[in-house]
Amino acid sequence: MTSVDLTQWWRSFRDPQLVSLVERSIAANPDIAIALARLQQARARQFVATGAALPKGQLSSGAGFGTGTDNTRGRVSETLHSAGNTTGFNNVDEAGGFDAAWELDVFGKLRREIEASQLDALAAAKARDAVLVSVVANVARAYIELRSFQEQIAVTRGSIEAARRSVFSSCRPVSTRDSQTNSM
């Protein structure tokens, strides 16, 4: 017994025309394209929700030359600049630093957002699969019905031809000798 790949079950018919029709319908169907776009959006939201739970860091540095009390203003991040203490310095020409933050998920908000985004992505994947199955099934059903009708037409034509041969063979001309024996 051979196993059939259920993700491409239509190939089990070994009909290149059916395979071509299914592949073209998958590539050209707007419903599949919409479902795929929704899946990609859901996965992007999943990455955003996961990223929101991670620590955030910022590296900044700046240098300046000129006059004034702080030549690095506007060259480093606002967080780093606001933490600077320039007391006792005439000029601040160079600055550098690292700023880190991490929101603790005390009440589970971030965790719930991650779970919701994962479930949204799963639902979008299932919806895409449903659209794909529907399109493939409709194309395969229509193609198989077409082939069935073509076979019915061929059988009907064969029956008509057999009936013609039967009618023509029974309607052969009667010879004069046969007609004399039949009249006696």
N, C-alpha and C. Protein backbone atom coordinates (compact mmCIF):
# COMPACT_ATOMS: atom_id res chain seq x y z
N MET A 1 0.85 -1.18 0.00
CA MET A 1 0.00 0.00 0.00
C MET A 1 0.90 1.24 0.00
N THR A 2 0.60 2.16 -0.89
CA THR A 2 1.38 3.38 -0.96
C THR A 2 0.71 4.45 -0.12
N SER A 3 1.53 5.27 0.52
CA SER A 3 0.97 6.35 1.32
C SER A 3 0.83 7.59 0.44
N VAL A 4 -0.18 8.39 0.77
CA VAL A 4 -0.46 9.60 0.01
C VAL A 4 -0.11 10.79 0.88
N ASP A 5 0.62 11.73 0.31
CA ASP A 5 0.94 12.97 1.01
C ASP A 5 -0.32 13.82 1.02
N LEU A 6 -0.92 13.99 2.20
CA LEU A 6 -2.19 14.68 2.29
C LEU A 6 -2.09 16.18 1.99
N THR A 7 -0.89 16.73 2.06
CA THR A 7 -0.75 18.14 1.72
C THR A 7 -0.79 18.36 0.21
N GLN A 8 -0.59 17.28 -0.55
CA GLN A 8 -0.66 17.37 -2.01
C GLN A 8 -1.37 16.14 -2.56
N TRP A 9 -2.54 15.86 -2.03
CA TRP A 9 -3.28 14.65 -2.36
C TRP A 9 -3.68 14.58 -3.82
N TRP A 10 -3.85 15.71 -4.49
CA TRP A 10 -4.28 15.71 -5.89
C TRP A 10 -3.23 15.10 -6.80
N ARG A 11 -2.00 15.04 -6.35
CA ARG A 11 -0.94 14.42 -7.16
C ARG A 11 -1.10 12.91 -7.25
N SER A 12 -1.88 12.32 -6.33
CA SER A 12 -2.07 10.87 -6.35
C SER A 12 -2.85 10.42 -7.58
N PHE A 13 -3.56 11.32 -8.26
CA PHE A 13 -4.27 10.97 -9.48
C PHE A 13 -3.33 10.84 -10.68
N ARG A 14 -2.11 11.33 -10.52
CA ARG A 14 -1.08 11.27 -11.56
C ARG A 14 -1.58 11.87 -12.88
N ASP A 15 -2.23 13.01 -12.75
CA ASP A 15 -2.76 13.72 -13.92
C ASP A 15 -2.06 15.07 -13.99
N PRO A 16 -1.13 15.24 -14.94
CA PRO A 16 -0.38 16.49 -15.01
C PRO A 16 -1.26 17.72 -15.24
N GLN A 17 -2.37 17.54 -15.93
CA GLN A 17 -3.26 18.67 -16.17
C GLN A 17 -3.92 19.12 -14.86
N LEU A 18 -4.32 18.17 -14.02
CA LEU A 18 -4.90 18.52 -12.72
C LEU A 18 -3.87 19.20 -11.83
N VAL A 19 -2.65 18.68 -11.81
CA VAL A 19 -1.58 19.28 -11.01
C VAL A 19 -1.34 20.72 -11.47
N SER A 20 -1.30 20.93 -12.78
CA SER A 20 -1.09 22.28 -13.32
C SER A 20 -2.22 23.21 -12.93
N LEU A 21 -3.46 22.74 -13.04
CA LEU A 21 -4.61 23.58 -12.67
C LEU A 21 -4.57 23.97 -11.20
N VAL A 22 -4.24 23.02 -10.34
CA VAL A 22 -4.19 23.31 -8.90
C VAL A 22 -3.08 24.31 -8.60
N GLU A 23 -1.90 24.09 -9.17
CA GLU A 23 -0.78 25.00 -8.92
C GLU A 23 -1.10 26.42 -9.42
N ARG A 24 -1.73 26.53 -10.59
CA ARG A 24 -2.08 27.85 -11.11
C ARG A 24 -3.15 28.52 -10.26
N SER A 25 -4.09 27.73 -9.76
CA SER A 25 -5.15 28.33 -8.93
C SER A 25 -4.61 28.79 -7.59
N ILE A 26 -3.65 28.06 -7.05
CA ILE A 26 -3.03 28.48 -5.79
C ILE A 26 -2.25 29.77 -5.99
N ALA A 27 -1.52 29.85 -7.09
CA ALA A 27 -0.69 31.04 -7.34
C ALA A 27 -1.53 32.27 -7.66
N ALA A 28 -2.70 32.10 -8.28
CA ALA A 28 -3.46 33.25 -8.75
C ALA A 28 -4.66 33.60 -7.88
N ASN A 29 -4.94 32.83 -6.85
CA ASN A 29 -6.16 33.07 -6.07
C ASN A 29 -5.96 34.22 -5.09
N PRO A 30 -6.78 35.26 -5.16
CA PRO A 30 -6.62 36.40 -4.25
C PRO A 30 -6.96 36.06 -2.80
N ASP A 31 -7.87 35.11 -2.58
CA ASP A 31 -8.20 34.73 -1.21
C ASP A 31 -7.00 34.13 -0.49
N ILE A 32 -6.22 33.34 -1.21
CA ILE A 32 -5.02 32.77 -0.61
C ILE A 32 -4.00 33.87 -0.32
N ALA A 33 -3.87 34.81 -1.22
CA ALA A 33 -2.93 35.92 -1.01
C ALA A 33 -3.34 36.75 0.20
N ILE A 34 -4.63 37.00 0.36
CA ILE A 34 -5.13 37.76 1.52
C ILE A 34 -4.87 36.99 2.81
N ALA A 35 -5.16 35.69 2.79
CA ALA A 35 -4.94 34.86 3.98
C ALA A 35 -3.45 34.82 4.34
N LEU A 36 -2.59 34.76 3.35
CA LEU A 36 -1.15 34.76 3.61
C LEU A 36 -0.70 36.10 4.18
N ALA A 37 -1.23 37.19 3.67
CA ALA A 37 -0.89 38.52 4.21
C ALA A 37 -1.34 38.65 5.66
N ARG A 38 -2.51 38.13 5.97
CA ARG A 38 -2.99 38.17 7.36
C ARG A 38 -2.11 37.34 8.27
N LEU A 39 -1.65 36.21 7.77
CA LEU A 39 -0.75 35.37 8.56
C LEU A 39 0.57 36.10 8.82
N GLN A 40 1.10 36.76 7.82
CA GLN A 40 2.35 37.50 7.99
C GLN A 40 2.17 38.65 8.98
N GLN A 41 1.03 39.33 8.94
CA GLN A 41 0.76 40.40 9.90
C GLN A 41 0.68 39.85 11.32
N ALA A 42 0.00 38.71 11.48
CA ALA A 42 -0.12 38.11 12.81
C ALA A 42 1.24 37.69 13.35
N ARG A 43 2.08 37.16 12.48
CA ARG A 43 3.43 36.76 12.93
C ARG A 43 4.27 37.99 13.28
N ALA A 44 4.09 39.08 12.55
CA ALA A 44 4.82 40.32 12.87
C ALA A 44 4.38 40.85 14.24
N ARG A 45 3.06 40.81 14.51
CA ARG A 45 2.57 41.24 15.82
C ARG A 45 3.11 40.33 16.93
N GLN A 46 3.30 39.06 16.61
CA GLN A 46 3.86 38.12 17.59
C GLN A 46 5.31 38.52 17.92
N PHE A 47 6.09 38.89 16.92
CA PHE A 47 7.47 39.31 17.17
C PHE A 47 7.50 40.62 17.96
N VAL A 48 6.59 41.52 17.68
CA VAL A 48 6.54 42.79 18.40
C VAL A 48 6.20 42.55 19.87
N ALA A 49 5.22 41.69 20.13
CA ALA A 49 4.83 41.39 21.51
C ALA A 49 5.97 40.71 22.26
N THR A 50 6.67 39.81 21.60
CA THR A 50 7.82 39.14 22.23
C THR A 50 8.93 40.14 22.49
N GLY A 51 9.18 41.04 21.54
CA GLY A 51 10.22 42.04 21.70
C GLY A 51 9.92 43.02 22.82
N ALA A 52 8.64 43.29 23.08
CA ALA A 52 8.28 44.22 24.15
C ALA A 52 8.64 43.67 25.52
N ALA A 53 8.74 42.36 25.65
CA ALA A 53 9.06 41.75 26.94
C ALA A 53 10.57 41.66 27.18
N LEU A 54 11.35 41.94 26.16
CA LEU A 54 12.81 41.84 26.29
C LEU A 54 13.40 43.14 26.83
N PRO A 55 14.59 43.05 27.44
CA PRO A 55 15.25 44.28 27.90
C PRO A 55 15.60 45.18 26.72
N LYS A 56 15.60 46.47 26.98
CA LYS A 56 15.94 47.43 25.94
C LYS A 56 17.24 48.12 26.32
N GLY A 57 18.08 48.34 25.36
CA GLY A 57 19.35 49.00 25.62
C GLY A 57 19.62 50.04 24.56
N GLN A 58 20.41 51.01 24.93
CA GLN A 58 20.76 52.06 23.99
C GLN A 58 22.20 52.47 24.27
N LEU A 59 22.99 52.51 23.25
CA LEU A 59 24.38 52.91 23.34
C LEU A 59 24.50 54.24 22.63
N SER A 60 25.17 55.19 23.28
CA SER A 60 25.24 56.51 22.70
C SER A 60 26.61 57.11 23.01
N SER A 61 27.10 57.87 22.07
CA SER A 61 28.35 58.60 22.32
C SER A 61 28.32 59.87 21.47
N GLY A 62 29.11 60.83 21.86
CA GLY A 62 29.14 62.07 21.10
C GLY A 62 30.40 62.84 21.44
N ALA A 63 30.79 63.69 20.53
CA ALA A 63 31.97 64.54 20.74
C ALA A 63 31.69 65.88 20.08
N GLY A 64 32.29 66.90 20.62
CA GLY A 64 32.07 68.22 20.07
C GLY A 64 33.28 69.11 20.29
N PHE A 65 33.32 70.17 19.55
CA PHE A 65 34.42 71.11 19.68
C PHE A 65 33.84 72.50 19.49
N GLY A 66 34.22 73.41 20.30
CA GLY A 66 33.73 74.76 20.14
C GLY A 66 33.62 75.45 21.48
N THR A 67 32.76 76.40 21.54
CA THR A 67 32.59 77.16 22.77
C THR A 67 31.29 76.77 23.42
N GLY A 68 31.13 77.10 24.67
CA GLY A 68 29.92 76.77 25.39
C GLY A 68 30.23 75.79 26.49
N THR A 69 29.23 75.59 27.31
CA THR A 69 29.47 74.71 28.46
C THR A 69 29.26 73.24 28.11
N ASP A 70 28.51 72.95 27.06
CA ASP A 70 28.25 71.55 26.73
C ASP A 70 28.19 71.38 25.22
N ASN A 71 29.29 70.96 24.63
CA ASN A 71 29.36 70.79 23.19
C ASN A 71 28.77 69.47 22.70
N THR A 72 28.36 68.58 23.60
CA THR A 72 27.81 67.29 23.18
C THR A 72 26.28 67.30 23.13
N ARG A 73 25.66 68.40 23.53
CA ARG A 73 24.19 68.46 23.52
C ARG A 73 23.69 68.22 22.08
N GLY A 74 22.75 67.35 21.94
CA GLY A 74 22.22 67.01 20.62
C GLY A 74 22.99 65.90 19.93
N ARG A 75 24.13 65.48 20.48
CA ARG A 75 24.92 64.42 19.87
C ARG A 75 24.78 63.09 20.60
N VAL A 76 24.22 63.11 21.77
CA VAL A 76 23.99 61.88 22.53
C VAL A 76 22.51 61.79 22.85
N SER A 77 22.07 60.62 23.28
CA SER A 77 20.65 60.44 23.58
C SER A 77 20.24 61.33 24.73
N GLU A 78 18.97 61.68 24.76
CA GLU A 78 18.45 62.58 25.78
C GLU A 78 18.60 61.96 27.17
N THR A 79 18.43 60.67 27.28
CA THR A 79 18.57 60.01 28.58
C THR A 79 19.99 60.14 29.10
N LEU A 80 20.96 59.91 28.24
CA LEU A 80 22.36 60.02 28.63
C LEU A 80 22.72 61.47 28.95
N HIS A 81 22.25 62.39 28.16
CA HIS A 81 22.58 63.79 28.37
C HIS A 81 21.97 64.32 29.67
N SER A 82 20.74 63.89 29.98
CA SER A 82 20.09 64.38 31.18
C SER A 82 20.75 63.83 32.44
N ALA A 83 21.48 62.73 32.34
CA ALA A 83 22.15 62.14 33.50
C ALA A 83 23.52 62.75 33.75
N GLY A 84 23.98 63.59 32.83
CA GLY A 84 25.31 64.17 32.96
C GLY A 84 25.36 65.27 34.03
N ASN A 85 26.45 65.30 34.73
CA ASN A 85 26.68 66.32 35.74
C ASN A 85 27.93 67.09 35.31
N THR A 86 27.74 68.33 34.89
CA THR A 86 28.87 69.10 34.37
C THR A 86 29.43 70.07 35.41
N THR A 87 29.10 69.88 36.67
CA THR A 87 29.60 70.76 37.72
C THR A 87 31.11 70.62 37.80
N GLY A 88 31.79 71.71 37.74
CA GLY A 88 33.25 71.72 37.85
C GLY A 88 33.97 71.61 36.53
N PHE A 89 33.21 71.50 35.43
CA PHE A 89 33.84 71.41 34.12
C PHE A 89 33.55 72.68 33.33
N ASN A 90 34.56 73.18 32.62
CA ASN A 90 34.35 74.34 31.77
C ASN A 90 33.64 73.94 30.48
N ASN A 91 34.13 72.87 29.86
CA ASN A 91 33.56 72.36 28.61
C ASN A 91 33.42 70.85 28.72
N VAL A 92 32.32 70.32 28.18
CA VAL A 92 32.17 68.88 28.02
C VAL A 92 32.27 68.62 26.53
N ASP A 93 33.39 68.03 26.13
CA ASP A 93 33.63 67.82 24.71
C ASP A 93 33.32 66.40 24.26
N GLU A 94 33.32 65.45 25.17
CA GLU A 94 33.07 64.06 24.81
C GLU A 94 32.14 63.45 25.85
N ALA A 95 31.28 62.58 25.36
CA ALA A 95 30.38 61.87 26.27
C ALA A 95 30.08 60.51 25.67
N GLY A 96 29.83 59.57 26.50
CA GLY A 96 29.48 58.22 26.05
C GLY A 96 28.79 57.49 27.19
N GLY A 97 28.01 56.52 26.84
CA GLY A 97 27.35 55.77 27.89
C GLY A 97 26.40 54.73 27.34
N PHE A 98 25.82 54.00 28.26
CA PHE A 98 24.88 52.92 27.92
C PHE A 98 23.66 53.08 28.80
N ASP A 99 22.50 53.00 28.21
CA ASP A 99 21.24 53.14 28.92
C ASP A 99 20.47 51.84 28.73
N ALA A 100 19.99 51.23 29.80
CA ALA A 100 19.24 49.97 29.72
C ALA A 100 17.97 50.09 30.53
N ALA A 101 16.93 49.40 30.05
CA ALA A 101 15.65 49.37 30.76
C ALA A 101 15.00 48.03 30.53
N TRP A 102 14.25 47.57 31.53
CA TRP A 102 13.53 46.32 31.41
C TRP A 102 12.26 46.44 32.22
N GLU A 103 11.15 46.28 31.52
CA GLU A 103 9.87 46.36 32.20
C GLU A 103 9.56 45.01 32.82
N LEU A 104 9.40 44.98 34.13
CA LEU A 104 9.05 43.74 34.81
C LEU A 104 7.58 43.44 34.57
N ASP A 105 7.30 42.20 34.26
CA ASP A 105 5.94 41.78 33.96
C ASP A 105 5.28 41.25 35.23
N VAL A 106 5.05 42.15 36.17
CA VAL A 106 4.53 41.77 37.48
C VAL A 106 3.12 41.20 37.38
N PHE A 107 2.26 41.84 36.60
CA PHE A 107 0.87 41.42 36.53
C PHE A 107 0.56 40.56 35.30
N GLY A 108 1.55 40.22 34.52
CA GLY A 108 1.36 39.30 33.39
C GLY A 108 0.85 39.93 32.11
N LYS A 109 0.88 41.25 31.99
CA LYS A 109 0.38 41.91 30.79
C LYS A 109 1.16 41.49 29.55
N LEU A 110 2.48 41.54 29.64
CA LEU A 110 3.31 41.18 28.49
C LEU A 110 3.16 39.70 28.14
N ARG A 111 3.09 38.88 29.16
CA ARG A 111 2.93 37.43 28.93
C ARG A 111 1.61 37.15 28.21
N ARG A 112 0.53 37.83 28.60
CA ARG A 112 -0.78 37.64 27.97
C ARG A 112 -0.76 38.17 26.53
N GLU A 113 -0.06 39.28 26.31
CA GLU A 113 0.05 39.80 24.95
C GLU A 113 0.80 38.83 24.05
N ILE A 114 1.84 38.20 24.58
CA ILE A 114 2.60 37.21 23.81
C ILE A 114 1.71 36.02 23.50
N GLU A 115 0.99 35.52 24.50
CA GLU A 115 0.10 34.37 24.28
C GLU A 115 -0.99 34.71 23.27
N ALA A 116 -1.56 35.90 23.39
CA ALA A 116 -2.62 36.31 22.45
C ALA A 116 -2.07 36.41 21.03
N SER A 117 -0.87 36.96 20.88
CA SER A 117 -0.30 37.09 19.53
C SER A 117 0.05 35.72 18.95
N GLN A 118 0.49 34.79 19.80
CA GLN A 118 0.76 33.44 19.32
C GLN A 118 -0.52 32.76 18.84
N LEU A 119 -1.59 32.92 19.60
CA LEU A 119 -2.87 32.32 19.22
C LEU A 119 -3.45 33.00 17.98
N ASP A 120 -3.26 34.30 17.85
CA ASP A 120 -3.69 35.00 16.63
C ASP A 120 -2.95 34.47 15.41
N ALA A 121 -1.64 34.24 15.56
CA ALA A 121 -0.85 33.71 14.45
C ALA A 121 -1.30 32.29 14.10
N LEU A 122 -1.59 31.50 15.12
CA LEU A 122 -2.08 30.14 14.88
C LEU A 122 -3.43 30.16 14.16
N ALA A 123 -4.32 31.04 14.59
CA ALA A 123 -5.63 31.17 13.95
C ALA A 123 -5.48 31.62 12.50
N ALA A 124 -4.58 32.54 12.24
CA ALA A 124 -4.35 33.02 10.87
C ALA A 124 -3.79 31.90 10.00
N ALA A 125 -2.91 31.07 10.58
CA ALA A 125 -2.36 29.93 9.83
C ALA A 125 -3.46 28.93 9.50
N LYS A 126 -4.34 28.67 10.46
CA LYS A 126 -5.45 27.73 10.22
C LYS A 126 -6.41 28.29 9.17
N ALA A 127 -6.66 29.60 9.22
CA ALA A 127 -7.53 30.23 8.22
C ALA A 127 -6.92 30.14 6.83
N ARG A 128 -5.61 30.36 6.75
CA ARG A 128 -4.92 30.23 5.46
C ARG A 128 -5.02 28.80 4.94
N ASP A 129 -4.83 27.83 5.83
CA ASP A 129 -4.94 26.42 5.43
C ASP A 129 -6.35 26.09 4.95
N ALA A 130 -7.36 26.64 5.64
CA ALA A 130 -8.75 26.39 5.24
C ALA A 130 -9.03 26.94 3.85
N VAL A 131 -8.53 28.14 3.57
CA VAL A 131 -8.72 28.74 2.25
C VAL A 131 -8.01 27.90 1.20
N LEU A 132 -6.81 27.46 1.51
CA LEU A 132 -6.03 26.64 0.58
C LEU A 132 -6.74 25.33 0.28
N VAL A 133 -7.24 24.66 1.32
CA VAL A 133 -7.97 23.39 1.13
C VAL A 133 -9.22 23.62 0.29
N SER A 134 -9.93 24.70 0.56
CA SER A 134 -11.15 25.00 -0.18
C SER A 134 -10.86 25.22 -1.67
N VAL A 135 -9.83 26.00 -1.97
CA VAL A 135 -9.49 26.28 -3.36
C VAL A 135 -9.08 25.00 -4.08
N VAL A 136 -8.21 24.23 -3.46
CA VAL A 136 -7.74 22.99 -4.09
C VAL A 136 -8.90 22.02 -4.29
N ALA A 137 -9.75 21.89 -3.27
CA ALA A 137 -10.89 20.97 -3.38
C ALA A 137 -11.84 21.39 -4.50
N ASN A 138 -12.11 22.68 -4.61
CA ASN A 138 -13.01 23.15 -5.66
C ASN A 138 -12.43 22.91 -7.05
N VAL A 139 -11.15 23.18 -7.21
CA VAL A 139 -10.51 22.95 -8.52
C VAL A 139 -10.52 21.46 -8.85
N ALA A 140 -10.14 20.62 -7.89
CA ALA A 140 -10.08 19.17 -8.14
C ALA A 140 -11.47 18.61 -8.41
N ARG A 141 -12.48 19.06 -7.63
CA ARG A 141 -13.85 18.58 -7.85
C ARG A 141 -14.34 18.95 -9.24
N ALA A 142 -14.13 20.20 -9.63
CA ALA A 142 -14.57 20.65 -10.96
C ALA A 142 -13.86 19.88 -12.06
N TYR A 143 -12.57 19.63 -11.89
CA TYR A 143 -11.80 18.89 -12.90
C TYR A 143 -12.27 17.44 -13.00
N ILE A 144 -12.52 16.82 -11.87
CA ILE A 144 -12.98 15.42 -11.87
C ILE A 144 -14.38 15.33 -12.47
N GLU A 145 -15.24 16.30 -12.16
CA GLU A 145 -16.57 16.33 -12.79
C GLU A 145 -16.46 16.49 -14.30
N LEU A 146 -15.56 17.36 -14.74
CA LEU A 146 -15.34 17.55 -16.17
C LEU A 146 -14.92 16.23 -16.82
N ARG A 147 -13.96 15.56 -16.21
CA ARG A 147 -13.50 14.28 -16.76
C ARG A 147 -14.63 13.24 -16.76
N SER A 148 -15.46 13.27 -15.73
CA SER A 148 -16.59 12.34 -15.66
C SER A 148 -17.58 12.63 -16.79
N PHE A 149 -17.88 13.90 -17.02
CA PHE A 149 -18.79 14.27 -18.11
C PHE A 149 -18.20 13.89 -19.47
N GLN A 150 -16.90 14.08 -19.63
CA GLN A 150 -16.25 13.68 -20.88
C GLN A 150 -16.38 12.17 -21.10
N GLU A 151 -16.23 11.40 -20.02
CA GLU A 151 -16.37 9.95 -20.13
C GLU A 151 -17.81 9.56 -20.44
N GLN A 152 -18.77 10.25 -19.83
CA GLN A 152 -20.18 9.98 -20.12
C GLN A 152 -20.51 10.29 -21.58
N ILE A 153 -19.94 11.38 -22.09
CA ILE A 153 -20.14 11.72 -23.50
C ILE A 153 -19.56 10.64 -24.40
N ALA A 154 -18.36 10.15 -24.08
CA ALA A 154 -17.73 9.10 -24.88
C ALA A 154 -18.57 7.82 -24.85
N VAL A 155 -19.09 7.45 -23.69
CA VAL A 155 -19.93 6.25 -23.59
C VAL A 155 -21.22 6.43 -24.38
N THR A 156 -21.83 7.62 -24.27
CA THR A 156 -23.06 7.89 -25.00
C THR A 156 -22.82 7.84 -26.51
N ARG A 157 -21.72 8.41 -26.96
CA ARG A 157 -21.39 8.36 -28.39
C ARG A 157 -21.18 6.92 -28.84
N GLY A 158 -20.52 6.12 -27.99
CA GLY A 158 -20.34 4.69 -28.33
C GLY A 158 -21.67 3.97 -28.41
N SER A 159 -22.59 4.28 -27.49
CA SER A 159 -23.92 3.65 -27.51
C SER A 159 -24.70 4.06 -28.74
N ILE A 160 -24.60 5.32 -29.13
CA ILE A 160 -25.29 5.80 -30.34
C ILE A 160 -24.74 5.10 -31.57
N GLU A 161 -23.44 4.96 -31.63
CA GLU A 161 -22.81 4.29 -32.78
C GLU A 161 -23.22 2.82 -32.83
N ALA A 162 -23.28 2.17 -31.68
CA ALA A 162 -23.70 0.76 -31.66
C ALA A 162 -25.16 0.63 -32.07
N ALA A 163 -26.01 1.58 -31.64
CA ALA A 163 -27.42 1.55 -32.04
C ALA A 163 -27.56 1.78 -33.53
N ARG A 164 -26.77 2.67 -34.10
CA ARG A 164 -26.81 2.91 -35.56
C ARG A 164 -26.44 1.65 -36.32
N ARG A 165 -25.37 1.01 -35.88
CA ARG A 165 -24.95 -0.23 -36.57
C ARG A 165 -26.05 -1.29 -36.47
N SER A 166 -26.68 -1.36 -35.34
CA SER A 166 -27.74 -2.35 -35.14
C SER A 166 -28.95 -2.03 -36.02
N VAL A 167 -29.33 -0.77 -36.10
CA VAL A 167 -30.47 -0.37 -36.93
C VAL A 167 -30.16 -0.60 -38.40
N PHE A 168 -28.96 -0.24 -38.83
CA PHE A 168 -28.61 -0.40 -40.25
C PHE A 168 -28.47 -1.86 -40.63
N SER A 169 -28.03 -2.69 -39.71
CA SER A 169 -27.89 -4.11 -40.06
C SER A 169 -29.26 -4.79 -40.11
N SER A 170 -30.22 -4.33 -39.32
CA SER A 170 -31.55 -4.95 -39.36
C SER A 170 -32.40 -4.39 -40.50
N CYS A 171 -32.00 -3.30 -41.07
CA CYS A 171 -32.73 -2.68 -42.18
C CYS A 171 -32.07 -3.00 -43.51
N ARG A 172 -31.52 -4.17 -43.67
CA ARG A 172 -30.88 -4.49 -44.95
C ARG A 172 -31.97 -4.77 -45.99
N PRO A 173 -31.69 -4.50 -47.22
CA PRO A 173 -32.71 -4.69 -48.26
C PRO A 173 -33.10 -6.17 -48.40
N VAL A 174 -34.36 -6.40 -48.60
CA VAL A 174 -34.88 -7.76 -48.76
C VAL A 174 -34.76 -8.13 -50.24
N SER A 175 -34.21 -9.30 -50.50
CA SER A 175 -34.04 -9.73 -51.89
C SER A 175 -35.39 -10.23 -52.42
N THR A 176 -35.55 -10.34 -53.75
CA THR A 176 -36.82 -10.77 -54.36
C THR A 176 -37.10 -12.22 -54.05
N ARG A 177 -36.13 -13.01 -53.88
CA ARG A 177 -36.30 -14.41 -53.57
C ARG A 177 -36.86 -14.55 -52.15
N ASP A 178 -36.36 -13.75 -51.24
CA ASP A 178 -36.86 -13.80 -49.86
C ASP A 178 -38.31 -13.34 -49.81
N SER A 179 -38.65 -12.37 -50.62
CA SER A 179 -40.01 -11.88 -50.60
C SER A 179 -40.98 -12.90 -51.18
N GLN A 180 -40.54 -13.75 -52.13
CA GLN A 180 -41.41 -14.78 -52.72
C GLN A 180 -41.67 -15.87 -51.69
N THR A 181 -40.69 -16.26 -50.92
CA THR A 181 -40.86 -17.32 -49.91
C THR A 181 -41.73 -16.81 -48.78
N ASN A 182 -41.64 -15.55 -48.46
CA ASN A 182 -42.42 -14.99 -47.36
C ASN A 182 -43.90 -14.86 -47.78
N SER A 183 -44.19 -14.69 -49.07
CA SER A 183 -45.57 -14.52 -49.49
C SER A 183 -46.28 -15.85 -49.59
N MET A 184 -45.62 -16.97 -49.64
CA MET A 184 -46.29 -18.26 -49.75
C MET A 184 -46.72 -18.78 -48.49
